[in-house]
Amino acid sequence: EPDVQDRDKYGRILAYVWLSPPSQISDREIRNKMFNARLLLDGYAQLSTYPPNVMYVDYFRKYQAEARDSSKGLWGIQETATPVTAPAPQPVPTVAPSLSPAPAAGDVTGLHNGHRHEVSQGWVPAPGEEQDPGQSFGGEGERL
C-alpha cells in the first residue's frame, strides 16, 4: 500500500506491505496483517519516517516501544563489558624452496625465448642503462 509518495528522494520504494488484506484499519488488523508492523513488533526493524509518508507512524512508534521494552529481537542484544575477539590466526605451513648451488663465475645460465642460454662473458646493463645493441650475451649467437 503506498502512502503520499511511491518513492523517496533516492528512488527507493516506500510502501506498507499487507500479508493479507485488512477488513478495516485498526490496531489489531495492523498488528496481525501488516509486515512492516510485524518487523517492528518482533524487534527486527527500527522506525524511520519519510514525511509526508506518515500514515501509520503513530502505530509504528507504539510497536517499536513495545519491542524495545520487551527486549525483543535486536533490542534484546546485550552489550558485553569484554569485547568479543576472533581466535588467533593459525600459522600457515610454508615449504622452503629448494636451492641450487650458486653458479661459478662465468658459468651463468638463463632462459630466453624458451631456450636455455649459457652466459660466459658479457656486459649486463645497470638499472637505467640501455644495453648496447651490438653486445652479444648468449650462446648460439642469439642476443638476450
Protein backbone atom coordinates (compact mmCIF):
# COMPACT_ATOMS: atom_id res chain seq x y z
CA GLU A 1 0.00 0.00 0.00
CA PRO A 2 1.54 3.33 -0.97
CA ASP A 3 1.36 6.45 1.15
CA VAL A 4 1.52 10.02 -0.19
CA GLN A 5 4.60 9.25 -2.32
CA ASP A 6 5.61 6.00 -4.01
CA ARG A 7 9.37 6.65 -3.72
CA ASP A 8 11.77 8.65 -1.57
CA LYS A 9 14.34 11.13 -2.88
CA TYR A 10 16.78 8.22 -3.53
CA GLY A 11 14.29 6.32 -5.67
CA ARG A 12 13.55 3.65 -3.02
CA ILE A 13 10.01 2.29 -2.98
CA LEU A 14 8.04 3.36 0.08
CA ALA A 15 5.17 1.00 0.85
CA TYR A 16 3.23 -0.74 3.56
CA VAL A 17 3.11 -4.49 2.97
CA TRP A 18 -0.04 -6.32 3.98
CA LEU A 19 0.27 -10.08 4.46
CA SER A 20 -3.47 -10.33 3.87
CA PRO A 21 -5.97 -7.58 3.07
CA PRO A 22 -7.30 -5.83 6.17
CA SER A 23 -11.04 -5.80 6.75
CA GLN A 24 -10.64 -2.44 8.49
CA ILE A 25 -7.74 -0.27 9.61
CA SER A 26 -7.35 -0.94 13.32
CA ASP A 27 -4.56 -1.67 15.75
CA ARG A 28 -5.49 -5.35 15.74
CA GLU A 29 -5.52 -5.61 11.92
CA ILE A 30 -2.21 -3.73 11.61
CA ARG A 31 -0.53 -5.90 14.27
CA ASN A 32 -1.69 -9.15 12.70
CA LYS A 33 -1.64 -8.44 8.98
CA MET A 34 0.97 -5.79 8.16
CA PHE A 35 4.53 -6.97 7.54
CA ASN A 36 6.04 -3.58 8.48
CA ALA A 37 4.30 -3.77 11.87
CA ARG A 38 5.44 -7.38 12.45
CA LEU A 39 9.06 -6.37 11.88
CA LEU A 40 8.74 -3.60 14.47
CA LEU A 41 6.80 -5.72 16.99
CA ASP A 42 9.34 -8.57 16.77
CA GLY A 43 12.27 -6.16 17.17
CA TYR A 44 13.74 -6.68 13.68
CA ALA A 45 13.27 -3.11 12.43
CA GLN A 46 13.75 0.40 13.66
CA LEU A 47 11.28 3.14 12.82
CA SER A 48 12.31 5.51 10.07
CA THR A 49 9.88 8.07 8.72
CA TYR A 50 9.95 9.87 5.39
CA PRO A 51 7.45 12.75 5.57
CA PRO A 52 4.93 13.24 4.15
CA ASN A 53 4.64 9.42 4.21
CA VAL A 54 3.49 9.01 7.80
CA MET A 55 0.11 7.27 7.56
CA TYR A 56 0.87 4.63 10.24
CA VAL A 57 3.63 6.42 12.20
CA ASP A 58 1.68 6.57 15.49
CA TYR A 59 1.10 2.80 15.43
CA PHE A 60 4.72 2.16 14.47
CA ARG A 61 6.08 4.29 17.35
CA LYS A 62 3.99 2.26 19.78
CA TYR A 63 5.10 -1.08 18.27
CA GLN A 64 8.76 -0.15 18.39
CA ALA A 65 8.47 0.95 22.05
CA GLU A 66 6.78 -2.37 22.92
CA ALA A 67 9.57 -4.37 21.29
CA ARG A 68 12.28 -2.28 22.96
CA ASP A 69 10.60 -2.51 26.39
CA SER A 70 10.30 -6.30 25.99
CA SER A 71 13.89 -6.67 24.72
CA LYS A 72 12.67 -8.39 21.58
CA GLY A 73 14.85 -9.10 18.56
CA LEU A 74 17.65 -6.62 18.14
CA TRP A 75 16.56 -4.76 21.28
CA GLY A 76 17.48 -7.86 23.31
CA ILE A 77 21.14 -7.89 22.35
CA GLN A 78 23.20 -7.20 25.45
CA GLU A 79 26.42 -5.25 25.25
CA THR A 80 29.34 -7.06 26.81
CA ALA A 81 31.97 -5.47 29.02
CA THR A 82 34.64 -7.53 27.30
CA PRO A 83 34.98 -7.07 23.55
CA VAL A 84 34.41 -10.17 21.51
CA THR A 85 37.56 -11.17 19.68
CA ALA A 86 38.23 -13.65 16.96
CA PRO A 87 40.54 -16.58 17.70
CA ALA A 88 44.19 -16.02 16.88
CA PRO A 89 45.03 -17.00 13.32
CA GLN A 90 46.83 -20.29 12.95
CA PRO A 91 50.26 -20.21 11.31
CA VAL A 92 50.27 -21.30 7.70
CA PRO A 93 52.85 -24.00 6.98
CA THR A 94 55.36 -22.97 4.39
CA VAL A 95 57.51 -25.06 2.13
CA ALA A 96 61.11 -23.97 1.86
CA PRO A 97 62.18 -23.51 -1.76
CA SER A 98 64.81 -25.90 -2.99
CA LEU A 99 68.01 -24.01 -3.58
CA SER A 100 70.53 -24.93 -6.20
CA PRO A 101 74.19 -24.20 -5.55
CA ALA A 102 75.28 -20.80 -6.82
CA PRO A 103 76.88 -20.97 -10.26
CA ALA A 104 80.60 -20.49 -10.54
CA ALA A 105 81.88 -17.29 -12.16
CA GLY A 106 81.50 -17.48 -15.92
CA ASP A 107 79.02 -20.33 -15.65
CA VAL A 108 75.69 -18.44 -15.54
CA THR A 109 72.72 -19.86 -17.39
CA GLY A 110 69.31 -18.42 -18.12
CA LEU A 111 66.21 -18.79 -20.22
CA HIS A 112 65.30 -16.51 -23.10
CA ASN A 113 62.54 -17.12 -25.63
CA GLY A 114 62.09 -20.62 -24.22
CA HIS A 115 65.76 -21.60 -24.82
CA ARG A 116 68.44 -22.19 -22.26
CA HIS A 117 71.46 -19.96 -22.76
CA GLU A 118 74.86 -20.05 -21.17
CA VAL A 119 76.47 -16.73 -20.49
CA SER A 120 80.21 -16.99 -20.16
CA GLN A 121 81.16 -13.34 -20.60
CA GLY A 122 79.33 -10.17 -21.23
CA TRP A 123 78.15 -6.86 -20.09
CA VAL A 124 74.94 -6.58 -18.12
CA PRO A 125 73.43 -3.08 -18.07
CA ALA A 126 72.95 -1.40 -14.71
CA PRO A 127 69.43 -0.32 -13.84
CA GLY A 128 68.51 2.64 -16.03
CA GLU A 129 71.26 1.92 -18.60
CA GLU A 130 70.43 0.65 -22.05
CA GLN A 131 72.06 -2.41 -23.49
CA ASP A 132 74.43 -1.88 -26.40
CA PRO A 133 72.56 -3.41 -29.37
CA GLY A 134 75.83 -4.87 -30.69
CA GLN A 135 76.65 -6.66 -27.43
CA SER A 136 76.02 -10.39 -27.60
CA PHE A 137 75.34 -12.32 -24.42
CA GLY A 138 74.07 -15.70 -25.40
CA GLY A 139 75.40 -18.84 -26.84
CA GLU A 140 74.36 -19.80 -30.34
CA GLY A 141 74.76 -16.17 -31.43
CA GLU A 142 71.40 -15.05 -30.01
CA ARG A 143 71.09 -11.77 -28.12
CA LEU A 144 69.49 -11.89 -24.70
